[in-house]
Amino acid sequence: MPAVKGKIHSKADNKPMVGAEIFVSKYAINNMDTIRTDHNGSFLYNGFL
C-alpha cells in the first residue's frame, strides 16, 4: 500500500477536524493501525510494501 495523505474538514462549517481517527487495515500482514488528524485536519500514513 502506498503512502496516503489528506485533510479532513467539517461539512457543516468547513473547519479542520482535529483528532479525527482514520482506521487502516492491512490484511496482507494481519495488522491494523489507527492514525489521527493534527491541528490542521491533516493526516499522513506512510503505508507499507
N, C-alpha and C. Protein backbone atom coordinates (compact mmCIF):
# COMPACT_ATOMS: atom_id res chain seq x y z
N MET A 1 0.85 -1.19 0.00
CA MET A 1 0.00 0.00 0.00
C MET A 1 0.89 1.24 0.00
N PRO A 2 0.65 2.18 -0.89
CA PRO A 2 1.46 3.40 -0.92
C PRO A 2 1.08 4.35 0.20
N ALA A 3 1.85 5.40 0.35
CA ALA A 3 1.54 6.42 1.35
C ALA A 3 0.24 7.12 0.97
N VAL A 4 -0.51 7.53 2.00
CA VAL A 4 -1.77 8.24 1.80
C VAL A 4 -1.75 9.46 2.70
N LYS A 5 -2.10 10.63 2.15
CA LYS A 5 -2.18 11.83 2.96
C LYS A 5 -3.41 12.63 2.55
N GLY A 6 -3.87 13.47 3.45
CA GLY A 6 -5.03 14.28 3.13
C GLY A 6 -5.42 15.18 4.28
N LYS A 7 -6.55 15.84 4.14
CA LYS A 7 -7.10 16.71 5.17
C LYS A 7 -8.57 16.39 5.32
N ILE A 8 -9.06 16.49 6.55
CA ILE A 8 -10.47 16.26 6.83
C ILE A 8 -11.05 17.55 7.40
N HIS A 9 -12.13 18.01 6.76
CA HIS A 9 -12.81 19.24 7.17
C HIS A 9 -14.27 18.92 7.46
N SER A 10 -14.86 19.68 8.37
CA SER A 10 -16.26 19.55 8.71
C SER A 10 -17.13 20.01 7.54
N LYS A 11 -18.15 19.24 7.23
CA LYS A 11 -19.08 19.63 6.18
C LYS A 11 -19.93 20.82 6.64
N ALA A 12 -20.19 20.92 7.93
CA ALA A 12 -21.05 21.97 8.46
C ALA A 12 -20.42 23.37 8.37
N ASP A 13 -19.13 23.49 8.76
CA ASP A 13 -18.52 24.81 8.79
C ASP A 13 -17.16 24.89 8.07
N ASN A 14 -16.77 23.80 7.42
CA ASN A 14 -15.53 23.73 6.64
C ASN A 14 -14.27 23.95 7.47
N LYS A 15 -14.34 23.76 8.79
CA LYS A 15 -13.17 23.88 9.65
C LYS A 15 -12.46 22.52 9.72
N PRO A 16 -11.13 22.53 9.95
CA PRO A 16 -10.39 21.27 10.08
C PRO A 16 -10.91 20.45 11.26
N MET A 17 -10.97 19.14 11.09
CA MET A 17 -11.41 18.26 12.16
C MET A 17 -10.17 17.72 12.89
N VAL A 18 -9.92 18.26 14.06
CA VAL A 18 -8.77 17.89 14.88
C VAL A 18 -9.05 16.57 15.59
N GLY A 19 -8.10 15.62 15.51
CA GLY A 19 -8.21 14.36 16.24
C GLY A 19 -9.12 13.33 15.60
N ALA A 20 -9.57 13.56 14.37
CA ALA A 20 -10.39 12.56 13.68
C ALA A 20 -9.54 11.29 13.49
N GLU A 21 -10.14 10.13 13.68
CA GLU A 21 -9.42 8.87 13.55
C GLU A 21 -9.65 8.24 12.18
N ILE A 22 -8.56 7.78 11.58
CA ILE A 22 -8.61 7.07 10.30
C ILE A 22 -8.11 5.67 10.57
N PHE A 23 -8.92 4.68 10.27
CA PHE A 23 -8.58 3.28 10.51
C PHE A 23 -7.99 2.69 9.23
N VAL A 24 -6.82 2.07 9.36
CA VAL A 24 -6.14 1.46 8.23
C VAL A 24 -5.98 -0.02 8.52
N SER A 25 -6.55 -0.86 7.67
CA SER A 25 -6.46 -2.31 7.84
C SER A 25 -5.48 -2.88 6.83
N LYS A 26 -4.52 -3.65 7.33
CA LYS A 26 -3.51 -4.25 6.46
C LYS A 26 -3.72 -5.77 6.46
N TYR A 27 -4.62 -6.24 5.60
CA TYR A 27 -4.96 -7.66 5.56
C TYR A 27 -3.75 -8.54 5.24
N ALA A 28 -2.84 -8.06 4.41
CA ALA A 28 -1.72 -8.87 3.97
C ALA A 28 -0.83 -9.33 5.11
N ILE A 29 -0.70 -8.50 6.15
CA ILE A 29 0.17 -8.89 7.27
C ILE A 29 -0.59 -8.98 8.58
N ASN A 30 -1.92 -9.01 8.50
CA ASN A 30 -2.78 -9.19 9.67
C ASN A 30 -2.47 -8.17 10.77
N ASN A 31 -2.49 -6.91 10.40
CA ASN A 31 -2.19 -5.84 11.33
C ASN A 31 -3.13 -4.67 11.04
N MET A 32 -3.37 -3.82 12.04
CA MET A 32 -4.24 -2.67 11.87
C MET A 32 -3.60 -1.44 12.51
N ASP A 33 -3.84 -0.28 11.96
CA ASP A 33 -3.35 0.99 12.51
C ASP A 33 -4.50 1.98 12.56
N THR A 34 -4.44 2.86 13.54
CA THR A 34 -5.35 3.99 13.60
C THR A 34 -4.50 5.24 13.68
N ILE A 35 -4.72 6.17 12.78
CA ILE A 35 -3.99 7.43 12.80
C ILE A 35 -4.99 8.55 13.06
N ARG A 36 -4.49 9.68 13.53
CA ARG A 36 -5.35 10.82 13.85
C ARG A 36 -4.91 12.06 13.09
N THR A 37 -5.86 12.93 12.83
CA THR A 37 -5.54 14.19 12.18
C THR A 37 -4.87 15.13 13.18
N ASP A 38 -4.08 16.06 12.65
CA ASP A 38 -3.42 17.05 13.50
C ASP A 38 -4.29 18.30 13.64
N HIS A 39 -3.71 19.39 14.16
CA HIS A 39 -4.47 20.62 14.40
C HIS A 39 -4.97 21.29 13.12
N ASN A 40 -4.44 20.89 11.97
CA ASN A 40 -4.90 21.42 10.68
C ASN A 40 -5.86 20.47 9.98
N GLY A 41 -6.19 19.35 10.61
CA GLY A 41 -7.05 18.35 9.97
C GLY A 41 -6.28 17.45 9.01
N SER A 42 -4.95 17.55 9.01
CA SER A 42 -4.12 16.77 8.09
C SER A 42 -3.74 15.42 8.68
N PHE A 43 -3.54 14.46 7.79
CA PHE A 43 -3.05 13.15 8.21
C PHE A 43 -2.10 12.60 7.16
N LEU A 44 -1.21 11.69 7.60
CA LEU A 44 -0.27 11.03 6.71
C LEU A 44 -0.10 9.61 7.19
N TYR A 45 -0.27 8.66 6.28
CA TYR A 45 0.01 7.26 6.56
C TYR A 45 1.09 6.83 5.57
N ASN A 46 2.24 6.39 6.09
CA ASN A 46 3.37 6.07 5.22
C ASN A 46 3.23 4.77 4.46
N GLY A 47 2.24 3.96 4.79
CA GLY A 47 1.98 2.74 4.04
C GLY A 47 3.01 1.66 4.31
N PHE A 48 2.96 0.64 3.50
CA PHE A 48 3.91 -0.48 3.59
C PHE A 48 4.00 -1.13 2.23
N LEU A 49 5.02 -1.93 2.04
CA LEU A 49 5.19 -2.63 0.77
C LEU A 49 4.79 -4.07 0.91
